[in-house]
Protein backbone atom coordinates (compact mmCIF):
# COMPACT_ATOMS: atom_id res chain seq x y z
CA MET A 1 -24.11 65.97 195.56
CA ASP A 2 -21.53 68.77 195.76
CA ALA A 3 -22.01 69.56 192.10
CA LEU A 4 -25.73 69.70 192.68
CA ARG A 5 -25.16 72.20 195.49
CA HIS A 6 -23.04 74.44 193.29
CA GLU A 7 -25.52 74.31 190.46
CA ASN A 8 -28.57 74.91 192.70
CA SER A 9 -28.20 78.61 193.62
CA PRO A 10 -31.37 78.88 195.74
CA HIS A 11 -30.19 75.90 197.72
CA ALA A 12 -26.84 77.58 198.33
CA PHE A 13 -28.59 80.87 199.19
CA PHE A 14 -30.90 79.35 201.75
CA SER A 15 -28.08 77.22 203.07
CA ALA A 16 -26.10 80.38 203.72
CA LEU A 17 -29.07 81.96 205.46
CA PHE A 18 -29.62 78.83 207.52
CA ALA A 19 -25.99 78.75 208.48
CA ASN A 20 -26.15 82.42 209.64
CA ARG A 21 -29.68 82.34 210.91
CA ARG A 22 -28.72 83.70 214.33
CA LEU A 23 -27.15 86.81 212.80
CA VAL A 24 -30.07 87.23 210.42
CA LYS A 25 -32.56 87.01 213.27
CA ARG A 26 -30.68 89.52 215.44
CA VAL A 27 -30.20 92.03 212.64
CA PHE A 28 -33.86 91.71 211.69
CA LEU A 29 -35.01 92.19 215.27
CA ALA A 30 -32.74 95.21 215.77
CA PHE A 31 -33.96 97.02 212.67
CA ALA A 32 -37.57 95.95 213.28
CA ALA A 33 -37.40 97.46 216.76
CA LEU A 34 -35.93 100.63 215.24
CA ALA A 35 -38.80 100.75 212.71
CA LEU A 36 -41.33 100.41 215.52
CA LEU A 37 -39.65 103.16 217.57
CA LEU A 38 -39.21 105.63 214.70
CA PRO A 39 -42.85 106.93 214.79
CA LEU A 40 -42.34 107.70 218.47
CA LEU A 41 -38.88 109.23 218.15
CA LEU A 42 -39.40 111.39 215.08
CA GLY A 43 -40.93 114.83 215.57
CA ARG A 44 -44.41 115.37 214.20
CA SER A 45 -45.02 117.78 211.37
CA TYR A 46 -48.34 118.88 209.95
CA GLU A 47 -48.99 119.76 206.34
CA ILE A 48 -51.10 122.92 206.04
CA GLY A 49 -52.36 123.80 202.59
CA ALA A 50 -54.23 126.63 200.91
CA GLU A 51 -54.96 127.72 197.38
CA VAL A 52 -54.97 131.11 195.70
CA MET A 53 -56.81 131.70 192.42
CA VAL A 54 -55.62 134.38 190.00
CA GLN A 55 -58.51 135.75 187.95
CA SER A 56 -58.58 137.89 184.87
CA LYS A 57 -56.91 141.28 185.22
CA LYS A 58 -59.06 144.39 184.97
CA VAL A 59 -57.40 147.23 183.11
CA ALA A 60 -59.11 150.59 183.65
CA GLN A 61 -59.59 152.60 180.46
CA THR A 62 -60.16 155.91 182.26
CA GLU A 63 -58.11 158.11 184.52
CA PRO A 64 -58.34 157.38 188.26
CA ASN A 65 -59.44 160.99 188.91
CA SER A 66 -62.37 160.73 186.49
CA ALA A 67 -63.25 157.05 186.93
CA THR A 68 -66.93 156.30 187.42
CA LEU A 69 -68.93 153.23 188.28
CA GLN A 70 -69.57 152.29 184.65
CA GLN A 71 -68.49 148.77 183.81
CA GLU A 72 -68.10 149.37 180.05
CA THR A 73 -64.94 151.39 180.59
CA ASP A 74 -62.89 148.39 181.83
CA LYS A 75 -61.00 145.75 179.89
CA PHE A 76 -60.27 142.23 181.19
CA LEU A 77 -57.15 140.22 180.32
CA PRO A 78 -56.71 136.52 181.17
CA PRO A 79 -53.81 135.63 183.50
CA THR A 80 -50.60 134.56 181.80
CA LEU A 81 -47.70 132.41 182.94
CA ALA A 82 -45.82 135.58 183.85
CA ASP A 83 -48.73 136.67 186.03
CA MET A 84 -48.68 133.30 187.82
CA GLU A 85 -44.95 133.57 188.42
CA THR A 86 -45.36 137.14 189.67
CA GLU A 87 -48.05 136.14 192.14
CA SER A 88 -45.93 133.17 193.29
CA SER A 89 -42.93 135.49 193.79
CA ILE A 90 -45.05 137.86 195.88
CA LEU A 91 -46.31 134.97 198.01
CA ARG A 92 -42.84 133.54 198.67
CA SER A 93 -41.10 136.90 199.11
CA PRO A 94 -39.11 137.15 202.36
CA GLU A 95 -40.42 140.66 202.95
CA LEU A 96 -44.02 139.35 202.99
CA VAL A 97 -43.11 136.53 205.37
CA ARG A 98 -41.20 138.94 207.58
CA ALA A 99 -44.11 141.39 207.76
CA THR A 100 -46.47 138.54 208.68
CA LEU A 101 -44.10 137.32 211.40
CA GLU A 102 -43.75 140.83 212.82
CA SER A 103 -47.51 141.15 213.25
CA LEU A 104 -47.75 137.69 214.85
CA ILE A 105 -44.83 138.37 217.21
CA ARG A 106 -46.46 141.63 218.31
CA GLU A 107 -49.59 139.64 219.15
CA GLY A 108 -47.58 137.27 221.35
CA HIS A 109 -47.14 134.32 219.00
CA PHE A 110 -43.83 132.60 218.17
CA ALA A 111 -42.59 133.03 221.73
CA GLU A 112 -38.84 132.61 221.97
CA ASP A 113 -37.75 129.32 223.56
CA LYS A 114 -34.22 129.97 224.75
CA GLY A 115 -32.04 126.92 224.97
CA LEU A 116 -28.59 126.50 226.40
CA ALA A 117 -27.05 128.61 223.64
CA GLY A 118 -29.57 131.42 224.23
CA ARG A 119 -28.91 131.44 227.96
CA LEU A 120 -25.17 131.52 227.38
CA ARG A 121 -25.62 134.42 225.01
CA ASP A 122 -27.73 136.35 227.53
CA TYR A 123 -25.47 135.69 230.49
CA LEU A 124 -22.05 135.79 228.81
CA ALA A 125 -22.02 137.25 225.31
CA VAL A 126 -24.34 140.23 225.92
CA PRO A 127 -22.59 141.46 229.15
CA LEU A 128 -19.20 140.90 227.51
CA ARG A 129 -20.18 143.03 224.53
CA GLU A 130 -21.85 145.77 226.62
CA HIS A 131 -19.23 146.12 229.35
CA VAL A 132 -15.98 145.13 227.61
CA LEU A 133 -16.08 145.19 223.81
CA ASP A 134 -18.22 148.31 223.29
CA PRO A 135 -16.22 150.47 225.77
CA LEU A 136 -13.02 149.18 224.19
CA ARG A 137 -14.19 150.10 220.69
CA THR A 138 -15.30 153.51 221.94
CA ALA A 139 -11.89 154.09 223.55
CA LEU A 140 -10.19 153.19 220.28
CA GLY A 141 -12.39 155.65 218.37
CA LEU A 142 -14.47 153.02 216.66
CA ALA A 143 -18.22 153.15 216.47
CA ALA A 144 -19.91 150.61 218.73
CA GLU A 145 -22.27 148.37 216.80
CA ALA A 146 -25.85 148.45 217.98
CA PRO A 147 -27.11 145.04 219.12
CA ARG A 148 -29.39 143.45 216.59
CA ASP A 149 -32.06 140.87 217.23
CA ASN A 150 -31.56 138.19 214.61
CA ARG A 151 -34.47 136.10 215.82
CA LEU A 152 -36.86 137.53 213.22
CA ASP A 153 -34.35 136.81 210.44
CA GLU A 154 -33.86 133.26 211.70
CA LEU A 155 -37.61 132.67 211.87
CA THR A 156 -38.03 134.06 208.35
CA LEU A 157 -35.37 131.75 206.92
CA ALA A 158 -36.78 128.75 208.80
CA ILE A 159 -40.31 129.41 207.54
CA LEU A 160 -39.10 129.94 203.97
CA GLU A 161 -37.52 126.49 204.11
CA ASP A 162 -40.83 124.92 205.19
CA LEU A 163 -43.00 127.06 202.89
CA GLU A 164 -43.66 125.80 199.39
CA ILE A 165 -45.45 127.86 196.72
CA ILE A 166 -46.31 125.87 193.58
CA PRO A 167 -48.35 127.15 190.61
CA LEU A 168 -50.47 124.20 189.51
CA PRO A 169 -49.68 123.38 185.87
CA GLY A 170 -52.42 124.14 183.37
CA SER A 171 -54.52 126.20 185.80
CA ASN A 172 -54.72 129.63 187.38
CA VAL A 173 -54.37 128.24 190.92
CA ILE A 174 -51.36 128.62 193.20
CA ALA A 175 -50.96 125.96 195.89
CA VAL A 176 -49.50 126.97 199.27
CA HIS A 177 -47.98 124.21 201.45
CA TYR A 178 -46.47 124.85 204.85
CA ARG A 179 -44.99 122.28 207.23
CA SER A 180 -45.26 123.12 210.91
CA GLY A 181 -44.87 121.31 214.18
CA ASP A 182 -47.75 123.30 215.73
CA PRO A 183 -50.95 122.91 213.69
CA ALA A 184 -52.79 125.85 215.30
CA LEU A 185 -49.88 128.24 214.93
CA GLY A 186 -49.14 127.02 211.39
CA THR A 187 -52.78 127.53 210.34
CA LEU A 188 -52.78 131.01 211.87
CA PHE A 189 -49.56 131.88 210.04
CA VAL A 190 -50.87 130.73 206.64
CA ASN A 191 -54.13 132.63 207.13
CA ARG A 192 -52.28 135.77 208.12
CA LEU A 193 -49.85 135.31 205.23
CA LEU A 194 -52.77 135.21 202.77
CA ASP A 195 -54.31 138.33 204.30
CA THR A 196 -51.01 140.19 204.16
CA TYR A 197 -50.52 138.99 200.59
CA LEU A 198 -53.88 140.35 199.46
CA VAL A 199 -53.21 143.74 201.06
CA ARG A 200 -49.64 143.94 199.76
CA ARG A 201 -50.37 142.89 196.20
CA HIS A 202 -53.31 145.28 196.05
CA ALA A 203 -50.95 148.08 197.06
CA LEU A 204 -48.54 146.96 194.32
CA HIS A 205 -51.05 146.50 191.49
CA SER A 206 -53.86 148.94 192.20
CA ASN A 207 -53.87 152.35 190.56
CA GLU A 208 -56.52 153.63 192.98
CA LEU A 209 -55.74 155.59 196.08
CA PRO A 210 -55.31 153.16 198.98
CA GLU A 211 -57.48 153.22 202.05
CA ALA A 212 -54.48 154.15 204.19
CA PHE A 213 -54.14 157.31 202.09
CA TYR A 214 -57.68 158.39 202.98
CA GLU A 215 -57.08 157.58 206.64
CA GLN A 216 -53.86 159.59 206.58
CA LYS A 217 -55.54 162.53 204.87
CA LYS A 218 -58.40 162.31 207.36
CA THR A 219 -55.94 162.48 210.25
CA GLN A 220 -54.14 165.41 208.63
CA TYR A 221 -57.41 167.28 208.09
CA GLN A 222 -58.44 166.65 211.67
CA ASP A 223 -55.12 167.97 212.97
CA GLN A 224 -55.30 171.05 210.74
CA LEU A 225 -58.93 171.70 211.64
CA ASN A 226 -58.15 171.34 215.33
CA GLY A 227 -55.26 173.78 214.97
CA LEU A 228 -57.37 176.34 213.08
CA GLU A 229 -60.24 176.00 215.54
CA ALA A 230 -57.80 176.47 218.41
CA GLN A 231 -56.46 179.64 216.76
CA ARG A 232 -60.00 180.87 216.21
CA LEU A 233 -60.95 180.26 219.85
CA ALA A 234 -57.73 181.89 221.06
CA LEU A 235 -58.45 184.94 218.89
CA LEU A 236 -62.03 185.20 220.22
CA GLU A 237 -60.79 184.84 223.79
CA ARG A 238 -58.16 187.50 223.22
CA ILE A 239 -60.73 190.02 222.00
CA ARG A 240 -63.32 188.78 224.54
CA ALA A 241 -66.06 188.33 221.96
CA ALA A 242 -68.31 185.51 220.84
CA ASN A 243 -69.62 187.05 217.61
CA PRO A 244 -67.61 190.08 216.43
CA GLU A 245 -70.04 190.95 213.64
CA GLU A 246 -73.02 191.23 215.98
CA GLU A 247 -70.98 193.14 218.53
CA ILE A 248 -69.81 195.59 215.84
CA THR A 249 -73.45 196.20 214.87
CA PHE A 250 -74.36 196.72 218.53
CA ARG A 251 -71.45 199.12 219.03
CA LEU A 252 -72.38 201.10 215.92
CA ASN A 253 -75.95 201.49 217.17
CA ALA A 254 -74.63 202.55 220.54
CA ILE A 255 -72.31 205.12 218.90
CA ASN A 256 -75.25 206.46 216.90
CA GLN A 257 -77.36 206.87 220.04
CA GLU A 258 -74.49 208.44 221.96
CA GLU A 259 -73.77 210.89 219.14
CA GLN A 260 -77.39 211.94 219.00
CA ALA A 261 -77.44 212.50 222.75
CA LEU A 262 -74.06 214.26 222.53
CA ASN A 263 -75.36 216.67 219.91
CA GLN A 264 -78.34 217.45 222.09
CA TYR A 265 -76.11 218.12 225.10
CA ARG A 266 -73.83 220.31 222.98
CA ASP A 267 -76.84 222.30 221.83
CA ARG A 268 -78.04 222.65 225.42
CA LEU A 269 -74.56 223.66 226.49
CA LEU A 270 -74.38 226.36 223.85
CA GLU A 271 -77.89 227.57 224.59
CA ASN A 272 -77.36 227.65 228.36
CA GLN A 273 -73.97 229.34 227.93
CA ARG A 274 -75.61 232.13 225.95
CA TRP A 275 -78.35 232.50 228.51
CA VAL A 276 -75.82 232.60 231.36
CA ASP A 277 -73.85 235.30 229.59
CA TYR A 278 -77.05 237.22 229.01
CA LEU A 279 -78.16 236.86 232.64
CA GLN A 280 -74.75 237.88 233.98
CA GLY A 281 -74.75 241.00 231.84
CA ASN A 282 -78.24 242.03 232.93
CA LEU A 283 -77.41 241.24 236.58
CA ALA A 284 -74.39 243.53 236.43
CA VAL A 285 -76.56 246.31 234.92
CA ALA A 286 -79.24 245.75 237.57
CA ARG A 287 -76.75 246.04 240.37
CA LYS A 288 -75.50 249.37 239.04
CA ALA A 289 -79.00 250.80 238.54
CA ARG A 290 -80.75 253.14 241.00
CA LEU A 291 -82.79 251.80 243.84
CA THR A 292 -86.06 252.86 242.40
CA ASP A 293 -85.26 251.54 238.96
CA TYR A 294 -86.71 248.12 238.46
CA GLY A 295 -86.24 246.02 235.40
CA PHE A 296 -84.85 242.53 234.74
CA PRO A 297 -85.64 241.15 231.31
CA TYR A 298 -85.95 237.46 232.28
CA THR A 299 -88.59 235.63 234.24
CA PHE A 300 -86.73 232.31 234.76
CA ALA A 301 -89.77 230.43 233.42
CA ASN A 302 -89.31 227.00 231.73
CA THR A 303 -91.58 225.30 229.26
CA LEU A 304 -91.73 221.48 229.23
CA ASP A 305 -94.15 219.58 226.98
CA ASN A 306 -96.09 222.77 226.21
CA ALA A 307 -96.46 223.47 229.93
CA ALA A 308 -95.00 226.65 231.46
CA PHE A 309 -93.24 226.45 234.83
CA GLU A 310 -92.27 229.75 236.47
CA ASP A 311 -89.97 230.48 239.41
CA ARG A 312 -92.32 231.42 242.29
CA GLU A 313 -89.61 232.86 244.53
CA ILE A 314 -88.43 235.32 241.88
CA ARG A 315 -92.02 236.02 240.94
CA GLN A 316 -92.96 236.84 244.53
CA LEU A 317 -89.84 238.96 245.13
CA GLY A 318 -90.43 240.74 241.85
CA ASP A 319 -94.05 241.45 242.68
CA ARG A 320 -93.09 242.65 246.20
CA LEU A 321 -90.35 244.87 244.80
CA ILE A 322 -92.71 246.39 242.23
CA GLU A 323 -95.29 247.00 244.91
CA GLN A 324 -92.77 248.67 247.23
CA ILE A 325 -91.35 250.83 244.44
CA GLY A 326 -94.88 251.88 243.48
CA ARG A 327 -95.73 252.72 247.08
CA TYR A 328 -92.46 254.64 247.38
CA GLY A 329 -93.34 256.66 244.31
CA ALA A 330 -96.79 257.40 245.66
CA GLU A 331 -95.47 258.36 249.12
CA THR A 332 -92.90 260.73 247.62
CA ASP A 333 -95.67 263.12 246.73
CA ILE A 334 -96.93 263.13 250.31
CA TYR A 335 -93.91 262.81 252.62
CA ASN A 336 -90.55 264.41 252.75
CA PRO A 337 -87.85 262.10 251.38
CA ASN A 338 -85.96 262.49 254.67
CA SER A 339 -88.93 261.61 256.78
CA GLU A 340 -89.04 258.48 258.81
CA PRO A 341 -91.71 256.66 256.75
CA MET A 342 -89.83 257.33 253.56
CA LYS A 343 -86.62 256.08 255.10
CA ASN A 344 -88.36 252.91 256.26
CA LEU A 345 -89.87 252.38 252.83
CA HIS A 346 -86.49 253.01 251.21
CA ALA A 347 -84.88 250.44 253.51
CA GLN A 348 -87.57 247.87 252.65
CA ILE A 349 -87.01 248.48 248.92
CA SER A 350 -83.28 248.11 249.41
CA ARG A 351 -83.67 244.81 251.29
CA THR A 352 -86.16 243.44 248.79
CA ARG A 353 -83.98 244.51 245.88
CA GLN A 354 -80.96 242.91 247.50
CA GLN A 355 -82.90 239.68 248.02
CA PHE A 356 -84.13 239.80 244.45
CA LEU A 357 -80.65 240.26 243.00
CA GLN A 358 -79.29 237.58 245.34
CA VAL A 359 -81.89 235.07 244.14
CA ILE A 360 -81.10 235.96 240.53
CA GLY A 361 -77.40 235.41 241.28
CA ASN A 362 -78.25 232.03 242.78
CA ARG A 363 -80.19 231.10 239.70
CA ILE A 364 -77.26 232.13 237.52
CA SER A 365 -74.95 230.02 239.71
CA GLU A 366 -77.30 227.06 239.19
CA ARG A 367 -77.09 227.65 235.48
CA ARG A 368 -73.29 227.66 235.69
CA LYS A 369 -73.32 224.41 237.65
CA GLU A 370 -75.64 222.94 235.08
CA LEU A 371 -73.15 224.02 232.41
CA GLU A 372 -70.40 222.16 234.26
CA ILE A 373 -72.59 219.07 234.51
CA ILE A 374 -73.44 219.21 230.83
CA SER A 375 -69.74 219.64 229.98
CA GLY A 376 -68.94 216.58 232.10
CA VAL A 377 -71.68 214.58 230.36
CA ILE A 378 -70.34 215.70 226.98
CA ALA A 379 -66.81 214.64 227.94
CA GLN A 380 -68.09 211.31 229.23
CA LYS A 381 -70.08 210.63 226.10
CA THR A 382 -67.12 211.66 223.95
CA THR A 383 -64.87 209.23 225.86
CA ARG A 384 -67.49 206.51 225.55
CA ILE A 385 -67.78 207.06 221.82
CA GLU A 386 -64.00 206.86 221.52
CA GLU A 387 -64.02 203.59 223.48
CA TYR A 388 -66.74 202.23 221.22
CA GLN A 389 -64.72 203.23 218.16
CA ALA A 390 -61.54 201.63 219.56
CA ARG A 391 -63.49 198.46 220.32
CA ILE A 392 -64.91 198.46 216.81
CA ARG A 393 -61.42 198.82 215.32
CA GLU A 394 -60.22 195.92 217.49
CA LEU A 395 -63.18 193.80 216.43
CA GLN A 396 -62.63 194.69 212.77
CA ASP A 397 -58.98 193.67 212.98
CA ALA A 398 -59.98 190.42 214.67
CA GLN A 399 -62.75 189.92 212.14
CA SER A 400 -60.19 190.07 209.35
CA GLY A 401 -58.18 187.29 211.03
CA LEU A 402 -61.36 185.31 211.69
CA ARG A 403 -62.36 185.69 208.05
CA GLN A 404 -59.04 184.20 206.96
CA LEU A 405 -59.37 181.34 209.45
CA ASN A 406 -62.95 180.68 208.34
CA THR A 407 -61.81 180.62 204.70
CA GLU A 408 -59.09 178.08 205.52
CA ILE A 409 -61.52 175.97 207.57
CA GLU A 410 -64.07 176.02 204.77
CA ALA A 411 -61.38 175.05 202.24
CA LEU A 412 -60.34 172.13 204.46
CA HIS A 413 -63.97 171.04 204.76
CA GLN A 414 -64.39 171.11 201.01
CA ALA A 415 -61.15 169.20 200.39
CA PHE A 416 -62.07 166.61 203.03
CA PHE A 417 -65.52 166.24 201.47
CA THR A 418 -63.89 165.69 198.06
CA TYR A 419 -61.56 162.97 199.39
CA THR A 420 -64.42 161.35 201.28
CA GLN A 421 -66.59 161.33 198.17
CA ARG A 422 -63.81 159.72 196.12
CA TYR A 423 -63.23 157.16 198.86
CA GLU A 424 -66.91 156.23 198.97
CA GLU A 425 -67.01 155.98 195.16
CA SER A 426 -63.95 153.72 195.29
CA ARG A 427 -65.60 151.54 197.93
CA SER A 428 -68.83 151.35 195.94
CA ARG A 429 -66.92 150.41 192.81
CA ALA A 430 -65.08 147.74 194.79
CA LEU A 431 -68.39 146.27 195.98
CA LEU A 432 -69.75 146.19 192.44
CA ASP A 433 -66.57 144.65 191.07
CA GLY A 434 -66.43 142.05 193.82
CA GLY A 435 -63.19 143.42 195.17
CA LEU A 436 -60.31 145.49 193.89
CA SER A 437 -57.95 142.55 193.51
CA ASN A 438 -57.99 139.88 190.80
CA ALA A 439 -56.38 137.40 193.21
CA LYS A 440 -58.80 135.44 195.40
CA VAL A 441 -58.23 132.94 198.15
CA LEU A 442 -59.71 129.79 196.70
CA SER A 443 -59.43 127.73 199.91
CA ARG A 444 -58.42 128.81 203.37
CA PRO A 445 -56.20 126.51 205.46
CA PHE A 446 -57.78 124.43 208.21
CA GLU A 447 -56.11 122.99 211.25
CA PRO A 448 -55.14 119.37 210.48
CA SER A 449 -56.11 116.68 212.99
CA GLU A 450 -53.42 114.17 211.95
CA ALA A 451 -49.73 114.70 211.39
CA SER A 452 -48.46 114.34 207.85
CA PHE A 453 -45.15 112.97 209.16
CA PRO A 454 -44.35 110.43 210.52
CA ARG A 455 -47.00 108.00 209.25
CA PRO A 456 -46.78 104.73 211.26
CA LEU A 457 -48.80 102.73 208.71
CA GLN A 458 -46.16 103.49 206.12
CA ILE A 459 -43.03 103.54 208.24
CA ILE A 460 -43.61 100.23 210.08
CA PRO A 461 -44.25 97.97 207.00
CA LEU A 462 -41.43 99.59 205.06
CA GLY A 463 -39.20 99.40 208.12
CA LEU A 464 -39.94 95.68 208.60
CA LEU A 465 -39.27 95.00 204.91
CA THR A 466 -36.04 96.98 205.12
CA ALA A 467 -35.05 95.11 208.29
CA LEU A 468 -35.65 91.79 206.50
CA LEU A 469 -33.58 92.84 203.49
CA LEU A 470 -30.78 94.15 205.69
CA ALA A 471 -30.78 90.93 207.73
CA VAL A 472 -30.56 88.82 204.56
CA ALA A 473 -27.81 91.08 203.22
CA ALA A 474 -25.90 90.76 206.51
CA GLY A 475 -26.19 86.97 206.36
CA CYS A 476 -25.00 86.86 202.75
CA LEU A 477 -22.07 89.17 203.50
CA ARG A 478 -21.02 87.05 206.45
CA GLU A 479 -21.26 83.94 204.33
CA PHE A 480 -19.23 85.60 201.59
CA PHE A 481 -16.40 86.59 203.92
CA ASP A 482 -16.54 83.39 206.02
CA ARG A 483 -13.61 81.03 205.07
CA ARG A 484 -14.63 78.11 207.27
CA PHE A 485 -15.67 74.71 205.86
CA LYS A 486 -19.27 73.89 206.59
CA TYR A 487 -19.78 70.61 204.63
CA PRO A 488 -17.39 67.79 203.39
CA GLY A 489 -17.61 68.73 199.75
CA GLN A 490 -15.76 71.95 200.37
CA LEU A 491 -12.61 70.04 201.48
CA GLN A 492 -12.44 68.02 198.32
CA SER A 493 -13.22 71.00 196.06
CA GLN A 494 -10.96 73.48 197.80
CA LEU A 495 -8.06 71.29 199.05
CA GLY A 496 -8.37 68.22 196.87
CA LEU A 497 -8.38 65.89 199.90
CA PRO A 498 -10.72 62.97 200.33
CA VAL A 499 -13.16 62.92 203.26
CA LEU A 500 -12.74 59.78 205.35
CA MET A 501 -15.09 60.46 208.24
CA THR A 502 -17.65 63.05 209.42
CA LEU A 503 -18.28 63.51 213.13
CA ASN A 504 -21.71 64.67 214.37
CA ALA A 505 -23.09 64.78 210.88
CA GLU A 506 -26.61 64.45 212.22
CA GLN A 507 -27.63 67.44 214.42
CA PRO A 508 -30.03 66.67 217.28
CA ALA A 509 -33.56 68.02 216.88
CA ALA A 510 -34.05 71.46 218.43
CA LEU A 511 -36.20 71.72 221.48
CA PRO A 512 -39.45 73.71 221.12
CA ASN A 513 -39.61 77.27 222.51
CA PRO A 514 -40.97 76.90 226.05
CA HIS A 515 -42.07 80.55 226.40
CA LYS A 516 -45.32 82.22 225.47
CA PRO A 517 -45.35 83.21 221.79
CA GLY A 518 -44.84 86.91 221.25
CA SER A 519 -43.35 87.58 224.67
CA LEU A 520 -39.91 89.06 225.21
CA PRO A 521 -38.37 85.74 226.51
CA TRP A 522 -39.84 83.94 223.52
CA ILE A 523 -38.23 86.50 221.14
CA ARG A 524 -34.90 86.25 223.01
CA HIS A 525 -34.98 82.43 222.77
CA TRP A 526 -35.92 82.56 219.09
CA ALA A 527 -33.08 85.00 218.31
CA SER A 528 -30.49 82.85 220.13
CA ASP A 529 -31.60 79.59 218.50
């Protein structure tokens, strides 16, 4: 019987398990409970995937400055393994991930969750550095190091560990896999990473002027135009003119009219001056002449528009004086010159003559006053002409500056039109080509509804199988290291002693489990049996 036991290995194996069944049950239950709790204890992670397709490369056969919309000028090359590796390197580059994280952090994503270490750093390390270490380094003559936020670097390294970029063998597709604990945030990150990748790789590979260049040039042109327009307005305000060219024309016409009027006044001044000199000379001669001599060679008559206007007062005095002189000549033949009538007539002639010469003197004074007025008008018109000429010189100087500003503004308009035309041609060519980049997003990531890890349907069966194997292994190990005798044959084989008697060889039948199957007391009773 003992030999049969040694030769029958399964019998010995199951005998060992039966002998250590309590340990096997407890180990199995412990590891089975651990397998059931693992899906609840392990953190969930979601697998977010996307695909990028690398198409044939377009190689332009013309210069960028002279490129047109013709499709025959381009050459297409299929993607090579080096191209796939290059695109994969761009996708997994830390700089690309960092730029994506910066944009997301600015939008309020990836909020910092400070733990105990972060709080200790804020409350202990930062004040210690600011108030103790930095002043101490400054006192020693050392440059104080500026505090640096390493959170972005830590996030970049953590995401690079969870980001996997794999070129699919035998295809032109690059698979992007990212593991994240937050499905919404992970999906947003992968989408933003793909967008940043397309923009960045276009900037690296494209030989066309980027859109940012046109926007920058547009801003520069706007600033320059605003500056030139401001200078132009300031110049116009300084000279107090809206349109210098029209004002110059107006001033020139005004100068022409003023000069014509000035020449007329100068002619009148010269003419009246000659007449005044003439009248003064004749007045002096008339005052020295005898009483009975009458003669003044001027009638003070004016002709306007072919109409003659005479001075009535002088005409009446002249006629009266002529009449009195004639009467005096006629009475001389009759009366004695010393007679009373002749004396009265002589006195009348004297008074009339005096009045006549006085009126002529008044008229000459009026002519002199008129000369003064004409001289004042001439001086005024001369001053006005000089002011017009000074204003014209000021406007001409300003017009020269305005002409330069207008030339610069027109040049800026032409340059801006050229850049705008090239930008529109580039955009039109991009629409016809289906995009400037030969890399396309084949599939965008979507937010997963189920976690990729842990998977209970995989963990629990494998955990139960592992628990069973570990329990069996624990039973076998205990049996291997157990030196106790469990059946009579071991005494004879190990010690060479005969077995005379066996006590309690027959074990009583075990009582059935009184508890409800599957309940915790039932499991406890089954494990202790």
